[in-house]
């Protein structure tokens, strides 16, 4: 029976050792996970901040471009209005004189 007791003692010892090894492995894996998180979380946060800054810059550039285009369209509108006003001022007297002459001719022809 003593051989059986020895085998049982060895098995119990092996079970205890296996439990300790499993616990050590769990502890080590948790330490690895913690280390990886400590390394990669700041890197990820840094990348997120850089991405936000890039997005802000893109939006700022888009806004500046849109504002510049709006100013250019406004300037073109002002130039066109001035051109139409100038054209009117240059031709208004002639058009009025011709209309007046036609009207007078019709009135006189109708007499």
Protein backbone atom coordinates (compact mmCIF):
# COMPACT_ATOMS: atom_id res chain seq x y z
CA UNK A 1 0.00 0.00 0.00
CA UNK A 2 2.81 2.33 0.50
CA UNK A 3 3.42 2.37 -3.28
CA UNK A 4 -0.18 3.39 -3.75
CA UNK A 5 0.23 6.13 -1.19
CA UNK A 6 3.36 7.32 -2.92
CA UNK A 7 1.54 7.43 -6.28
CA UNK A 8 -1.35 9.29 -4.67
CA UNK A 9 1.05 11.74 -3.03
CA UNK A 10 2.82 12.29 -6.36
CA UNK A 11 -0.52 12.84 -8.13
CA UNK A 12 -1.67 15.29 -5.48
CA UNK A 13 1.63 17.10 -5.75
CA UNK A 14 1.33 17.17 -9.54
CA UNK A 15 -2.20 18.54 -9.29
CA UNK A 16 -1.04 21.22 -6.89
CA UNK A 17 1.90 22.07 -9.17
CA UNK A 18 -0.42 22.19 -12.22
CA UNK A 19 -2.75 24.58 -10.37
CA UNK A 20 0.21 26.79 -9.48
CA UNK A 21 1.44 26.74 -13.09
CA UNK A 22 -2.04 27.71 -14.36
CA UNK A 23 -2.24 30.57 -11.85
CA UNK A 24 1.26 31.74 -12.82
CA UNK A 25 0.29 31.62 -16.51
CA UNK A 26 -2.87 33.65 -15.80
CA UNK A 27 -0.88 36.17 -13.84
CA UNK A 28 1.75 36.41 -16.57
CA UNK A 29 -0.90 36.82 -19.28
CA UNK A 30 -2.57 39.60 -17.29
CA UNK A 31 0.80 41.31 -16.92
CA UNK A 32 1.41 41.01 -20.68
CA UNK A 33 -2.04 42.44 -21.43
CA UNK A 34 -1.45 45.31 -19.00
CA UNK A 35 1.97 46.03 -20.52
CA UNK A 36 0.58 45.97 -24.06
CA UNK A 37 -2.23 48.32 -23.04
CA UNK A 38 0.23 50.68 -21.37
CA UNK A 39 2.27 50.74 -24.57
CA UNK A 40 -0.51 50.93 -27.15
CA UNK A 41 -3.18 53.05 -25.46
CA UNK A 42 -1.05 56.22 -25.43
CA UNK A 43 -0.03 55.48 -29.03
CA UNK A 44 -3.66 55.04 -30.05
CA UNK A 45 -4.64 58.22 -28.21
CA UNK A 46 -1.81 60.05 -29.92
CA UNK A 47 -2.98 58.80 -33.31
CA UNK A 48 -6.55 59.83 -32.50
CA UNK A 49 -5.38 63.32 -31.56
CA UNK A 50 -3.39 63.59 -34.78
CA UNK A 51 -6.41 62.40 -36.78
CA UNK A 52 -8.59 65.01 -35.07
CA UNK A 53 -6.07 67.73 -35.84
CA UNK A 54 -5.88 66.63 -39.47
CA UNK A 55 -9.68 66.66 -39.68
CA UNK A 56 -9.76 70.15 -38.16
CA UNK A 57 -7.17 71.32 -40.69
CA UNK A 58 -9.12 69.81 -43.57
CA UNK A 59 -12.30 71.50 -42.36
CA UNK A 60 -10.52 74.82 -41.86
CA UNK A 61 -9.04 74.61 -45.37
CA UNK A 62 -12.42 73.71 -46.84
CA UNK A 63 -14.05 76.62 -45.04
CA UNK A 64 -11.33 79.03 -46.19
CA UNK A 65 -11.71 77.79 -49.78
CA UNK A 66 -15.48 78.15 -49.64
CA UNK A 67 -15.18 81.66 -48.24
CA UNK A 68 -12.65 82.64 -50.89
CA UNK A 69 -14.91 81.25 -53.61
CA UNK A 70 -17.90 83.12 -52.15
CA UNK A 71 -15.89 86.36 -52.12
CA UNK A 72 -14.84 85.78 -55.72
CA UNK A 73 -18.46 85.14 -56.78
CA UNK A 74 -19.55 88.27 -54.93
CA UNK A 75 -16.82 90.30 -56.61
CA UNK A 76 -17.83 88.95 -60.02
CA UNK A 77 -21.45 89.88 -59.25
CA UNK A 78 -20.39 93.43 -58.34
CA UNK A 79 -18.34 93.70 -61.52
CA UNK A 80 -21.24 92.44 -63.62
CA UNK A 81 -23.64 94.87 -61.96
CA UNK A 82 -21.22 97.74 -62.59
CA UNK A 83 -20.83 96.64 -66.21
CA UNK A 84 -24.62 96.54 -66.69
CA UNK A 85 -25.00 99.96 -65.02
CA UNK A 86 -22.23 101.38 -67.21
CA UNK A 87 -23.83 99.88 -70.32
CA UNK A 88 -27.20 101.33 -69.30
CA UNK A 89 -25.69 104.74 -68.61
CA UNK A 90 -23.91 104.69 -71.99
CA UNK A 91 -26.99 103.65 -73.97
CA UNK A 92 -29.96 104.98 -72.02
CA UNK A 93 -29.98 108.45 -73.60
CA UNK A 94 -29.77 107.01 -77.12
CA UNK A 95 -32.54 104.47 -76.50
CA UNK A 96 -34.78 107.11 -74.90
CA UNK A 97 -34.15 109.50 -77.79
CA UNK A 98 -34.99 106.81 -80.37
CA UNK A 99 -38.16 105.77 -78.51
CA UNK A 100 -39.18 109.41 -78.21
CA UNK A 101 -38.54 109.98 -81.91
CA UNK A 102 -40.58 106.90 -82.87
CA UNK A 103 -43.43 107.98 -80.62
CA UNK A 104 -43.40 111.51 -82.02
CA UNK A 105 -43.32 110.11 -85.57
CA UNK A 106 -46.35 107.89 -84.82
CA UNK A 107 -48.21 110.75 -83.24
CA UNK A 108 -47.41 113.03 -86.16
CA UNK A 109 -48.20 110.34 -88.71
CA UNK A 110 -51.54 109.77 -87.04
CA UNK A 111 -52.63 113.40 -87.56
